[in-house]
Amino acid sequence: MTPTFPEGTETGQINVAILIGSELLHRGLETVLRQLPMVNLMVNDDTCDVLITTDPLSRTRDKDVKTILLLDEAQVAAPAFTLSSAFDGYLIQEEITANHLRDAIHRVVAGELAIPDRLARVLLTRASGPPSAAEAPQHRPPVSLTARERVTLSLLADGLSNRQIARRLSISEHGAKRLVASVLLKLDSPNRTAAVVTAIKARLIEYA
């Protein structure tokens, strides 16, 4: 798949730092990042725009720093895995390419959630299945969405960006951002994919 980038993020230098324990993975990631002309590789993660890490418990000191978590296959396959509001994007270690890195960096800088298609499908497929024993006793209060918010939720499930939602609804991009934020708030979700997962579990939308 050829990545598409949010408007306004195709050019310009982005300071990227790496916080990874594995020296082999660290060096491999450095090699790939050096292929990206818009990346300025930083040694100090305190002054970066984007931090790439394998530590699911890591926290950036600056709230303006966007954080991308690298997952391995075991984490992706774990039934208990969920998205966290602590991270702005995710990548699967075994599938990393220069294009995937470039796309993820651009998206988190633009304020969007970066998530591999395969991981999104895994989460959505789990959400569309029968609830587990642990989930069964939990009952969310009914969610009331306006007609426009329901359409927005459906477009989120289709993977559309704020700009694409704005065009589809014939509204401004700022208006689309407000609609998306309202949907995420009502579904008590930290990001788009989590909102879609929650909506599927609540039977607000279906996932085939």
N, C-alpha and C. Protein backbone atom coordinates (compact mmCIF):
# COMPACT_ATOMS: atom_id res chain seq x y z
N MET A 1 0.84 -1.18 0.00
CA MET A 1 0.00 0.00 0.00
C MET A 1 0.88 1.24 0.00
N THR A 2 0.60 2.19 -0.85
CA THR A 2 1.34 3.44 -0.90
C THR A 2 0.81 4.37 0.16
N PRO A 3 1.65 4.85 1.07
CA PRO A 3 1.14 5.69 2.15
C PRO A 3 0.73 7.05 1.65
N THR A 4 -0.28 7.64 2.27
CA THR A 4 -0.69 9.01 1.98
C THR A 4 -0.44 9.81 3.24
N PHE A 5 -0.03 11.06 3.07
CA PHE A 5 0.39 11.86 4.20
C PHE A 5 -0.53 13.05 4.40
N PRO A 6 -0.80 13.41 5.66
CA PRO A 6 -1.62 14.57 5.92
C PRO A 6 -1.03 15.82 5.29
N GLU A 7 -1.87 16.68 4.76
CA GLU A 7 -1.39 17.88 4.09
C GLU A 7 -0.60 18.73 5.06
N GLY A 8 0.53 19.25 4.57
CA GLY A 8 1.34 20.12 5.40
C GLY A 8 2.43 19.41 6.17
N THR A 9 2.51 18.06 6.07
CA THR A 9 3.55 17.34 6.81
C THR A 9 4.52 16.62 5.87
N GLU A 10 4.40 16.88 4.56
CA GLU A 10 5.25 16.18 3.61
C GLU A 10 6.69 16.71 3.63
N THR A 11 6.87 17.96 4.06
CA THR A 11 8.19 18.57 4.05
C THR A 11 8.50 19.10 5.43
N GLY A 12 9.79 19.48 5.65
CA GLY A 12 10.18 20.02 6.94
C GLY A 12 10.85 18.96 7.78
N GLN A 13 11.75 19.39 8.67
CA GLN A 13 12.50 18.47 9.51
C GLN A 13 11.70 18.11 10.77
N ILE A 14 11.71 16.84 11.10
CA ILE A 14 11.05 16.34 12.30
C ILE A 14 12.12 15.67 13.16
N ASN A 15 12.26 16.13 14.40
CA ASN A 15 13.26 15.57 15.31
C ASN A 15 12.73 14.27 15.92
N VAL A 16 13.44 13.18 15.67
CA VAL A 16 13.01 11.85 16.12
C VAL A 16 14.08 11.24 17.01
N ALA A 17 13.64 10.70 18.15
CA ALA A 17 14.56 10.01 19.06
C ALA A 17 14.11 8.56 19.24
N ILE A 18 15.06 7.69 19.61
CA ILE A 18 14.78 6.27 19.79
C ILE A 18 15.08 5.88 21.23
N LEU A 19 14.14 5.17 21.86
CA LEU A 19 14.34 4.66 23.22
C LEU A 19 14.04 3.16 23.20
N ILE A 20 15.05 2.38 22.87
CA ILE A 20 14.89 0.94 22.67
C ILE A 20 16.04 0.21 23.36
N GLY A 21 15.72 -0.82 24.13
CA GLY A 21 16.74 -1.56 24.87
C GLY A 21 17.60 -2.46 24.00
N SER A 22 17.01 -3.04 22.96
CA SER A 22 17.74 -3.95 22.09
C SER A 22 18.68 -3.17 21.17
N GLU A 23 19.97 -3.42 21.29
CA GLU A 23 20.94 -2.71 20.45
C GLU A 23 20.74 -3.04 18.98
N LEU A 24 20.42 -4.31 18.68
CA LEU A 24 20.23 -4.73 17.30
C LEU A 24 19.04 -4.00 16.67
N LEU A 25 17.92 -3.97 17.40
CA LEU A 25 16.73 -3.28 16.89
C LEU A 25 16.99 -1.78 16.80
N HIS A 26 17.69 -1.24 17.78
CA HIS A 26 18.00 0.19 17.79
C HIS A 26 18.80 0.58 16.56
N ARG A 27 19.84 -0.20 16.26
CA ARG A 27 20.69 0.11 15.10
C ARG A 27 19.93 -0.07 13.79
N GLY A 28 19.10 -1.11 13.74
CA GLY A 28 18.31 -1.32 12.53
C GLY A 28 17.34 -0.18 12.28
N LEU A 29 16.71 0.30 13.35
CA LEU A 29 15.77 1.41 13.23
C LEU A 29 16.50 2.69 12.82
N GLU A 30 17.67 2.91 13.39
CA GLU A 30 18.48 4.07 12.99
C GLU A 30 18.77 4.04 11.50
N THR A 31 19.14 2.86 11.00
CA THR A 31 19.47 2.71 9.58
C THR A 31 18.29 3.09 8.70
N VAL A 32 17.09 2.62 9.09
CA VAL A 32 15.89 2.93 8.30
C VAL A 32 15.55 4.42 8.40
N LEU A 33 15.64 4.99 9.60
CA LEU A 33 15.30 6.39 9.79
C LEU A 33 16.23 7.31 9.01
N ARG A 34 17.49 6.91 8.86
CA ARG A 34 18.43 7.74 8.12
C ARG A 34 18.11 7.78 6.63
N GLN A 35 17.21 6.89 6.19
CA GLN A 35 16.78 6.92 4.79
C GLN A 35 15.70 7.97 4.55
N LEU A 36 15.16 8.53 5.63
CA LEU A 36 14.06 9.48 5.51
C LEU A 36 14.60 10.90 5.59
N PRO A 37 14.53 11.65 4.49
CA PRO A 37 15.14 12.98 4.47
C PRO A 37 14.51 13.97 5.43
N MET A 38 13.24 13.74 5.83
CA MET A 38 12.60 14.71 6.71
C MET A 38 12.91 14.46 8.18
N VAL A 39 13.65 13.36 8.49
CA VAL A 39 13.95 12.99 9.87
C VAL A 39 15.31 13.52 10.29
N ASN A 40 15.32 14.20 11.43
CA ASN A 40 16.56 14.61 12.08
C ASN A 40 16.72 13.73 13.31
N LEU A 41 17.61 12.74 13.25
CA LEU A 41 17.76 11.76 14.32
C LEU A 41 18.43 12.40 15.53
N MET A 42 17.77 12.32 16.69
CA MET A 42 18.24 12.98 17.90
C MET A 42 18.84 11.95 18.87
N VAL A 43 19.81 12.37 19.62
CA VAL A 43 20.38 11.52 20.67
C VAL A 43 19.62 11.73 21.97
N ASN A 44 19.22 12.97 22.24
CA ASN A 44 18.51 13.31 23.47
C ASN A 44 17.00 13.32 23.22
N ASP A 45 16.27 12.42 23.90
CA ASP A 45 14.83 12.34 23.68
C ASP A 45 14.06 13.48 24.35
N ASP A 46 14.75 14.33 25.13
CA ASP A 46 14.08 15.45 25.80
C ASP A 46 13.70 16.55 24.81
N THR A 47 14.39 16.62 23.69
CA THR A 47 14.16 17.73 22.76
C THR A 47 13.58 17.25 21.42
N CYS A 48 13.01 16.07 21.40
CA CYS A 48 12.51 15.53 20.13
C CYS A 48 11.04 15.87 19.91
N ASP A 49 10.61 15.72 18.66
CA ASP A 49 9.20 15.86 18.31
C ASP A 49 8.48 14.52 18.41
N VAL A 50 9.21 13.45 18.05
CA VAL A 50 8.64 12.11 18.05
C VAL A 50 9.60 11.15 18.74
N LEU A 51 9.06 10.35 19.65
CA LEU A 51 9.86 9.33 20.34
C LEU A 51 9.36 7.96 19.91
N ILE A 52 10.28 7.09 19.50
CA ILE A 52 9.94 5.71 19.12
C ILE A 52 10.51 4.79 20.19
N THR A 53 9.66 3.94 20.77
CA THR A 53 10.09 3.12 21.90
C THR A 53 9.44 1.74 21.85
N THR A 54 10.05 0.80 22.58
CA THR A 54 9.47 -0.54 22.74
C THR A 54 8.93 -0.74 24.15
N ASP A 55 9.03 0.29 24.99
CA ASP A 55 8.62 0.17 26.39
C ASP A 55 7.16 0.60 26.56
N PRO A 56 6.25 -0.36 26.82
CA PRO A 56 4.84 0.00 26.96
C PRO A 56 4.55 0.83 28.20
N LEU A 57 5.53 0.95 29.10
CA LEU A 57 5.33 1.74 30.31
C LEU A 57 6.03 3.09 30.23
N SER A 58 6.63 3.38 29.09
CA SER A 58 7.39 4.63 28.97
C SER A 58 6.44 5.82 28.95
N ARG A 59 6.92 6.95 29.44
CA ARG A 59 6.18 8.20 29.39
C ARG A 59 7.14 9.30 28.98
N THR A 60 6.74 10.13 28.06
CA THR A 60 7.60 11.24 27.66
C THR A 60 7.48 12.35 28.69
N ARG A 61 8.56 13.07 28.89
CA ARG A 61 8.54 14.16 29.87
C ARG A 61 7.77 15.35 29.35
N ASP A 62 7.77 15.55 28.07
CA ASP A 62 7.08 16.69 27.45
C ASP A 62 5.80 16.18 26.79
N LYS A 63 4.66 16.74 27.19
CA LYS A 63 3.39 16.27 26.64
C LYS A 63 3.26 16.53 25.15
N ASP A 64 4.10 17.44 24.61
CA ASP A 64 4.04 17.74 23.18
C ASP A 64 4.79 16.72 22.34
N VAL A 65 5.55 15.85 22.99
CA VAL A 65 6.29 14.82 22.26
C VAL A 65 5.32 13.70 21.87
N LYS A 66 5.29 13.36 20.59
CA LYS A 66 4.46 12.26 20.11
C LYS A 66 5.23 10.95 20.28
N THR A 67 4.55 9.92 20.78
CA THR A 67 5.22 8.67 21.08
C THR A 67 4.65 7.52 20.25
N ILE A 68 5.54 6.78 19.60
CA ILE A 68 5.16 5.61 18.80
C ILE A 68 5.70 4.36 19.50
N LEU A 69 4.81 3.42 19.77
CA LEU A 69 5.20 2.18 20.44
C LEU A 69 5.43 1.08 19.41
N LEU A 70 6.60 0.43 19.48
CA LEU A 70 6.90 -0.70 18.62
C LEU A 70 6.43 -1.98 19.31
N LEU A 71 5.59 -2.73 18.64
CA LEU A 71 5.06 -3.97 19.20
C LEU A 71 5.69 -5.18 18.53
N ASP A 72 5.86 -6.26 19.29
CA ASP A 72 6.29 -7.50 18.67
C ASP A 72 5.06 -8.39 18.44
N GLU A 73 5.26 -9.51 17.78
CA GLU A 73 4.13 -10.37 17.42
C GLU A 73 3.39 -10.89 18.65
N ALA A 74 4.12 -11.15 19.73
CA ALA A 74 3.48 -11.66 20.94
C ALA A 74 2.52 -10.62 21.53
N GLN A 75 2.91 -9.36 21.49
CA GLN A 75 2.04 -8.30 22.01
C GLN A 75 0.79 -8.14 21.14
N VAL A 76 0.97 -8.23 19.83
CA VAL A 76 -0.17 -8.10 18.91
C VAL A 76 -1.16 -9.24 19.13
N ALA A 77 -0.63 -10.46 19.38
CA ALA A 77 -1.49 -11.63 19.52
C ALA A 77 -2.12 -11.74 20.91
N ALA A 78 -1.61 -11.00 21.88
CA ALA A 78 -2.13 -11.12 23.25
C ALA A 78 -3.58 -10.67 23.32
N PRO A 79 -4.50 -11.52 23.80
CA PRO A 79 -5.92 -11.16 23.86
C PRO A 79 -6.18 -9.93 24.72
N ALA A 80 -5.30 -9.67 25.69
CA ALA A 80 -5.52 -8.55 26.60
C ALA A 80 -5.00 -7.22 26.05
N PHE A 81 -4.37 -7.25 24.87
CA PHE A 81 -3.80 -6.01 24.35
C PHE A 81 -4.89 -5.00 24.00
N THR A 82 -4.70 -3.77 24.45
CA THR A 82 -5.61 -2.67 24.10
C THR A 82 -4.78 -1.44 23.78
N LEU A 83 -5.38 -0.50 23.08
CA LEU A 83 -4.71 0.75 22.78
C LEU A 83 -4.66 1.61 24.04
N SER A 84 -3.61 2.41 24.14
CA SER A 84 -3.44 3.27 25.30
C SER A 84 -3.37 4.73 24.87
N SER A 85 -3.96 5.60 25.68
CA SER A 85 -3.91 7.03 25.38
C SER A 85 -2.50 7.59 25.58
N ALA A 86 -1.58 6.78 26.15
CA ALA A 86 -0.20 7.23 26.35
C ALA A 86 0.57 7.25 25.05
N PHE A 87 0.05 6.60 24.00
CA PHE A 87 0.78 6.52 22.74
C PHE A 87 -0.03 7.11 21.59
N ASP A 88 0.70 7.72 20.68
CA ASP A 88 0.07 8.38 19.53
C ASP A 88 0.11 7.50 18.28
N GLY A 89 0.88 6.43 18.34
CA GLY A 89 0.97 5.55 17.19
C GLY A 89 1.58 4.22 17.56
N TYR A 90 1.40 3.25 16.67
CA TYR A 90 1.91 1.90 16.89
C TYR A 90 2.52 1.39 15.59
N LEU A 91 3.55 0.57 15.72
CA LEU A 91 4.14 -0.13 14.59
C LEU A 91 4.46 -1.56 15.03
N ILE A 92 4.40 -2.49 14.10
CA ILE A 92 4.75 -3.88 14.38
C ILE A 92 6.20 -4.09 13.94
N GLN A 93 7.05 -4.51 14.87
CA GLN A 93 8.49 -4.58 14.62
C GLN A 93 8.82 -5.37 13.37
N GLU A 94 8.16 -6.53 13.21
CA GLU A 94 8.49 -7.42 12.10
C GLU A 94 8.06 -6.87 10.74
N GLU A 95 7.26 -5.81 10.73
CA GLU A 95 6.73 -5.28 9.47
C GLU A 95 7.25 -3.88 9.15
N ILE A 96 8.23 -3.40 9.91
CA ILE A 96 8.70 -2.02 9.72
C ILE A 96 9.43 -1.86 8.39
N THR A 97 9.03 -0.85 7.65
CA THR A 97 9.73 -0.43 6.44
C THR A 97 9.91 1.08 6.51
N ALA A 98 10.71 1.63 5.60
CA ALA A 98 10.90 3.08 5.57
C ALA A 98 9.57 3.80 5.34
N ASN A 99 8.73 3.23 4.45
CA ASN A 99 7.43 3.85 4.17
C ASN A 99 6.52 3.82 5.40
N HIS A 100 6.51 2.68 6.13
CA HIS A 100 5.67 2.59 7.33
C HIS A 100 6.12 3.60 8.38
N LEU A 101 7.44 3.74 8.56
CA LEU A 101 7.95 4.70 9.52
C LEU A 101 7.60 6.12 9.11
N ARG A 102 7.80 6.41 7.86
CA ARG A 102 7.51 7.76 7.36
C ARG A 102 6.04 8.11 7.55
N ASP A 103 5.18 7.16 7.22
CA ASP A 103 3.74 7.37 7.34
C ASP A 103 3.36 7.59 8.80
N ALA A 104 3.87 6.75 9.69
CA ALA A 104 3.54 6.84 11.11
C ALA A 104 4.01 8.17 11.70
N ILE A 105 5.22 8.58 11.37
CA ILE A 105 5.76 9.84 11.89
C ILE A 105 4.92 11.02 11.41
N HIS A 106 4.60 11.04 10.13
CA HIS A 106 3.79 12.12 9.59
C HIS A 106 2.42 12.18 10.27
N ARG A 107 1.81 11.03 10.47
CA ARG A 107 0.47 11.01 11.03
C ARG A 107 0.43 11.48 12.49
N VAL A 108 1.38 11.02 13.30
CA VAL A 108 1.35 11.46 14.70
C VAL A 108 1.66 12.94 14.83
N VAL A 109 2.55 13.45 13.97
CA VAL A 109 2.85 14.88 13.99
C VAL A 109 1.62 15.69 13.59
N ALA A 110 0.80 15.13 12.69
CA ALA A 110 -0.42 15.80 12.24
C ALA A 110 -1.57 15.63 13.24
N GLY A 111 -1.32 14.92 14.34
CA GLY A 111 -2.35 14.74 15.35
C GLY A 111 -3.26 13.56 15.13
N GLU A 112 -2.91 12.68 14.19
CA GLU A 112 -3.72 11.50 13.91
C GLU A 112 -3.12 10.27 14.60
N LEU A 113 -3.94 9.25 14.78
CA LEU A 113 -3.46 7.99 15.33
C LEU A 113 -2.84 7.17 14.21
N ALA A 114 -1.61 6.72 14.42
CA ALA A 114 -0.94 5.85 13.45
C ALA A 114 -1.03 4.42 13.94
N ILE A 115 -1.69 3.57 13.17
CA ILE A 115 -1.85 2.17 13.57
C ILE A 115 -1.81 1.29 12.33
N PRO A 116 -1.04 0.21 12.34
CA PRO A 116 -0.98 -0.69 11.18
C PRO A 116 -2.35 -1.29 10.88
N ASP A 117 -2.63 -1.50 9.61
CA ASP A 117 -3.91 -2.07 9.21
C ASP A 117 -4.16 -3.42 9.88
N ARG A 118 -3.11 -4.24 9.99
CA ARG A 118 -3.30 -5.58 10.57
C ARG A 118 -3.69 -5.49 12.04
N LEU A 119 -3.07 -4.57 12.77
CA LEU A 119 -3.41 -4.41 14.18
C LEU A 119 -4.84 -3.90 14.34
N ALA A 120 -5.24 -2.97 13.47
CA ALA A 120 -6.61 -2.46 13.52
C ALA A 120 -7.61 -3.58 13.25
N ARG A 121 -7.30 -4.44 12.27
CA ARG A 121 -8.21 -5.56 11.96
C ARG A 121 -8.29 -6.53 13.13
N VAL A 122 -7.16 -6.79 13.79
CA VAL A 122 -7.16 -7.71 14.94
C VAL A 122 -8.07 -7.17 16.04
N LEU A 123 -7.93 -5.88 16.36
CA LEU A 123 -8.73 -5.27 17.42
C LEU A 123 -10.21 -5.24 17.06
N LEU A 124 -10.51 -4.92 15.79
CA LEU A 124 -11.91 -4.84 15.37
C LEU A 124 -12.55 -6.23 15.32
N THR A 125 -11.78 -7.24 14.90
CA THR A 125 -12.31 -8.60 14.85
C THR A 125 -12.61 -9.11 16.26
N ARG A 126 -11.72 -8.82 17.20
CA ARG A 126 -11.98 -9.20 18.58
C ARG A 126 -13.23 -8.52 19.12
N ALA A 127 -13.38 -7.24 18.78
CA ALA A 127 -14.53 -6.48 19.29
C ALA A 127 -15.84 -7.00 18.72
N SER A 128 -15.81 -7.52 17.48
CA SER A 128 -17.03 -7.97 16.83
C SER A 128 -17.44 -9.37 17.26
N GLY A 129 -16.54 -10.08 17.97
CA GLY A 129 -16.86 -11.43 18.43
C GLY A 129 -17.64 -11.40 19.72
N PRO A 130 -18.03 -12.59 20.24
CA PRO A 130 -18.78 -12.65 21.50
C PRO A 130 -17.92 -12.15 22.64
N PRO A 131 -18.50 -11.49 23.65
CA PRO A 131 -17.73 -10.97 24.77
C PRO A 131 -17.12 -12.10 25.59
N SER A 132 -15.95 -11.82 26.13
CA SER A 132 -15.30 -12.81 26.98
C SER A 132 -16.00 -12.85 28.34
N ALA A 133 -15.63 -13.85 29.14
CA ALA A 133 -16.24 -13.97 30.47
C ALA A 133 -15.95 -12.74 31.31
N ALA A 134 -14.76 -12.15 31.11
CA ALA A 134 -14.40 -10.97 31.89
C ALA A 134 -15.21 -9.75 31.45
N GLU A 135 -15.58 -9.72 30.16
CA GLU A 135 -16.30 -8.56 29.65
C GLU A 135 -17.80 -8.66 29.88
N ALA A 136 -18.32 -9.87 29.99
CA ALA A 136 -19.76 -10.06 30.06
C ALA A 136 -20.45 -9.29 31.17
N PRO A 137 -19.92 -9.24 32.40
CA PRO A 137 -20.63 -8.56 33.47
C PRO A 137 -20.62 -7.05 33.34
N GLN A 138 -19.74 -6.49 32.48
CA GLN A 138 -19.60 -5.05 32.38
C GLN A 138 -20.68 -4.50 31.45
N HIS A 139 -21.34 -3.45 31.90
CA HIS A 139 -22.39 -2.83 31.09
C HIS A 139 -22.14 -1.34 31.00
N ARG A 140 -21.98 -0.86 29.79
CA ARG A 140 -21.80 0.57 29.58
C ARG A 140 -23.16 1.25 29.51
N PRO A 141 -23.26 2.46 30.00
CA PRO A 141 -24.52 3.18 29.83
C PRO A 141 -24.74 3.43 28.34
N PRO A 142 -26.00 3.49 27.90
CA PRO A 142 -26.27 3.70 26.48
C PRO A 142 -25.65 5.00 25.98
N VAL A 143 -25.11 4.94 24.78
CA VAL A 143 -24.47 6.11 24.16
C VAL A 143 -25.45 6.76 23.21
N SER A 144 -25.66 8.04 23.38
CA SER A 144 -26.58 8.78 22.50
C SER A 144 -25.77 9.65 21.54
N LEU A 145 -25.80 9.28 20.26
CA LEU A 145 -25.11 10.04 19.23
C LEU A 145 -26.11 10.75 18.33
N THR A 146 -25.76 11.94 17.90
CA THR A 146 -26.60 12.62 16.94
C THR A 146 -26.47 11.94 15.59
N ALA A 147 -27.36 12.27 14.66
CA ALA A 147 -27.29 11.67 13.32
C ALA A 147 -25.95 11.97 12.66
N ARG A 148 -25.47 13.20 12.80
CA ARG A 148 -24.18 13.57 12.20
C ARG A 148 -23.03 12.83 12.87
N GLU A 149 -23.11 12.61 14.19
CA GLU A 149 -22.07 11.87 14.89
C GLU A 149 -22.07 10.41 14.48
N ARG A 150 -23.25 9.84 14.21
CA ARG A 150 -23.32 8.45 13.75
C ARG A 150 -22.65 8.30 12.39
N VAL A 151 -22.89 9.27 11.51
CA VAL A 151 -22.24 9.23 10.20
C VAL A 151 -20.74 9.35 10.38
N THR A 152 -20.31 10.25 11.26
CA THR A 152 -18.88 10.43 11.53
C THR A 152 -18.26 9.14 12.05
N LEU A 153 -18.96 8.48 12.96
CA LEU A 153 -18.47 7.20 13.51
C LEU A 153 -18.31 6.17 12.40
N SER A 154 -19.27 6.11 11.50
CA SER A 154 -19.18 5.17 10.38
C SER A 154 -17.98 5.48 9.50
N LEU A 155 -17.71 6.77 9.28
CA LEU A 155 -16.56 7.17 8.46
C LEU A 155 -15.25 6.86 9.18
N LEU A 156 -15.25 7.00 10.50
CA LEU A 156 -14.06 6.61 11.27
C LEU A 156 -13.79 5.13 11.12
N ALA A 157 -14.85 4.33 11.13
CA ALA A 157 -14.70 2.88 10.97
C ALA A 157 -14.15 2.53 9.60
N ASP A 158 -14.40 3.40 8.62
CA ASP A 158 -13.87 3.19 7.26
C ASP A 158 -12.44 3.69 7.13
N GLY A 159 -11.91 4.28 8.21
CA GLY A 159 -10.52 4.72 8.20
C GLY A 159 -10.27 6.09 7.62
N LEU A 160 -11.31 6.92 7.51
CA LEU A 160 -11.15 8.23 6.91
C LEU A 160 -10.48 9.20 7.88
N SER A 161 -9.67 10.10 7.34
CA SER A 161 -9.02 11.14 8.13
C SER A 161 -9.99 12.29 8.35
N ASN A 162 -9.60 13.25 9.19
CA ASN A 162 -10.44 14.43 9.42
C ASN A 162 -10.72 15.17 8.13
N ARG A 163 -9.70 15.30 7.30
CA ARG A 163 -9.86 16.01 6.03
C ARG A 163 -10.86 15.28 5.13
N GLN A 164 -10.77 13.96 5.08
CA GLN A 164 -11.69 13.19 4.25
C GLN A 164 -13.11 13.24 4.79
N ILE A 165 -13.24 13.21 6.12
CA ILE A 165 -14.56 13.32 6.74
C ILE A 165 -15.17 14.67 6.41
N ALA A 166 -14.36 15.72 6.48
CA ALA A 166 -14.85 17.07 6.17
C ALA A 166 -15.37 17.13 4.74
N ARG A 167 -14.64 16.54 3.82
CA ARG A 167 -15.07 16.56 2.42
C ARG A 167 -16.34 15.75 2.24
N ARG A 168 -16.42 14.58 2.90
CA ARG A 168 -17.59 13.72 2.75
C ARG A 168 -18.85 14.40 3.31
N LEU A 169 -18.69 15.17 4.38
CA LEU A 169 -19.83 15.82 5.02
C LEU A 169 -20.04 17.26 4.55
N SER A 170 -19.14 17.72 3.67
CA SER A 170 -19.22 19.09 3.13
C SER A 170 -19.16 20.12 4.26
N ILE A 171 -18.21 19.91 5.18
CA ILE A 171 -18.00 20.86 6.26
C ILE A 171 -16.51 21.20 6.32
N SER A 172 -16.15 22.13 7.20
CA SER A 172 -14.74 22.49 7.35
C SER A 172 -13.99 21.39 8.08
N GLU A 173 -12.67 21.38 7.91
CA GLU A 173 -11.86 20.39 8.62
C GLU A 173 -11.96 20.61 10.13
N HIS A 174 -12.07 21.88 10.54
CA HIS A 174 -12.24 22.17 11.96
C HIS A 174 -13.54 21.59 12.49
N GLY A 175 -14.60 21.68 11.67
CA GLY A 175 -15.88 21.09 12.05
C GLY A 175 -15.78 19.58 12.17
N ALA A 176 -15.03 18.97 11.27
CA ALA A 176 -14.83 17.52 11.32
C ALA A 176 -14.08 17.13 12.59
N LYS A 177 -13.08 17.93 12.95
CA LYS A 177 -12.31 17.64 14.17
C LYS A 177 -13.22 17.71 15.40
N ARG A 178 -14.13 18.69 15.41
CA ARG A 178 -15.05 18.81 16.54
C ARG A 178 -15.98 17.60 16.62
N LEU A 179 -16.45 17.13 15.46
CA LEU A 179 -17.33 15.96 15.44
C LEU A 179 -16.59 14.71 15.94
N VAL A 180 -15.38 14.52 15.46
CA VAL A 180 -14.58 13.37 15.87
C VAL A 180 -14.32 13.43 17.38
N ALA A 181 -13.97 14.62 17.87
CA ALA A 181 -13.70 14.79 19.30
C ALA A 181 -14.96 14.48 20.12
N SER A 182 -16.12 14.89 19.62
CA SER A 182 -17.38 14.63 20.32
C SER A 182 -17.68 13.14 20.37
N VAL A 183 -17.44 12.43 19.25
CA VAL A 183 -17.66 10.98 19.21
C VAL A 183 -16.73 10.28 20.19
N LEU A 184 -15.44 10.66 20.20
CA LEU A 184 -14.48 10.04 21.11
C LEU A 184 -14.86 10.30 22.57
N LEU A 185 -15.35 11.51 22.85
CA LEU A 185 -15.74 11.84 24.22
C LEU A 185 -16.94 11.00 24.67
N LYS A 186 -17.95 10.90 23.81
CA LYS A 186 -19.14 10.14 24.17
C LYS A 186 -18.86 8.65 24.32
N LEU A 187 -17.89 8.16 23.56
CA LEU A 187 -17.54 6.74 23.64
C LEU A 187 -16.43 6.49 24.65
N ASP A 188 -16.00 7.57 25.33
CA ASP A 188 -14.96 7.46 26.36
C ASP A 188 -13.73 6.73 25.81
N SER A 189 -13.28 7.18 24.63
CA SER A 189 -12.19 6.51 23.92
C SER A 189 -11.04 7.48 23.69
N PRO A 190 -9.78 7.03 23.87
CA PRO A 190 -8.64 7.91 23.71
C PRO A 190 -8.28 8.20 22.26
N ASN A 191 -8.75 7.38 21.32
CA ASN A 191 -8.40 7.58 19.92
C ASN A 191 -9.45 6.94 19.02
N ARG A 192 -9.25 7.08 17.71
CA ARG A 192 -10.23 6.64 16.72
C ARG A 192 -10.47 5.14 16.76
N THR A 193 -9.40 4.37 16.74
CA THR A 193 -9.57 2.92 16.71
C THR A 193 -10.26 2.42 17.97
N ALA A 194 -9.88 2.97 19.12
CA ALA A 194 -10.54 2.59 20.36
C ALA A 194 -12.03 2.93 20.31
N ALA A 195 -12.36 4.07 19.69
CA ALA A 195 -13.77 4.47 19.57
C ALA A 195 -14.54 3.48 18.71
N VAL A 196 -13.93 3.05 17.62
CA VAL A 196 -14.59 2.09 16.73
C VAL A 196 -14.77 0.74 17.44
N VAL A 197 -13.73 0.32 18.17
CA VAL A 197 -13.82 -0.93 18.93
C VAL A 197 -14.96 -0.85 19.94
N THR A 198 -15.03 0.26 20.66
CA THR A 198 -16.10 0.45 21.66
C THR A 198 -17.46 0.46 20.99
N ALA A 199 -17.56 1.11 19.83
CA ALA A 199 -18.83 1.19 19.11
C ALA A 199 -19.29 -0.19 18.64
N ILE A 200 -18.35 -1.02 18.23
CA ILE A 200 -18.70 -2.37 17.79
C ILE A 200 -19.20 -3.19 18.97
N LYS A 201 -18.51 -3.07 20.10
CA LYS A 201 -18.93 -3.81 21.30
C LYS A 201 -20.32 -3.36 21.76
N ALA A 202 -20.61 -2.06 21.58
CA ALA A 202 -21.91 -1.52 21.98
C ALA A 202 -22.96 -1.72 20.90
N ARG A 203 -22.57 -2.39 19.79
CA ARG A 203 -23.47 -2.67 18.67
C ARG A 203 -23.99 -1.39 18.02
N LEU A 204 -23.18 -0.32 18.09
CA LEU A 204 -23.56 0.92 17.39
C LEU A 204 -23.25 0.81 15.91
N ILE A 205 -22.23 0.03 15.58
CA ILE A 205 -21.88 -0.27 14.19
C ILE A 205 -21.50 -1.73 14.12
N GLU A 206 -21.43 -2.25 12.89
CA GLU A 206 -21.05 -3.64 12.68
C GLU A 206 -19.73 -3.68 11.92
N TYR A 207 -18.98 -4.73 12.19
CA TYR A 207 -17.72 -4.94 11.50
C TYR A 207 -17.76 -6.32 10.87
N ALA A 208 -17.61 -6.36 9.54
CA ALA A 208 -17.66 -7.64 8.82
C ALA A 208 -16.27 -8.21 8.70
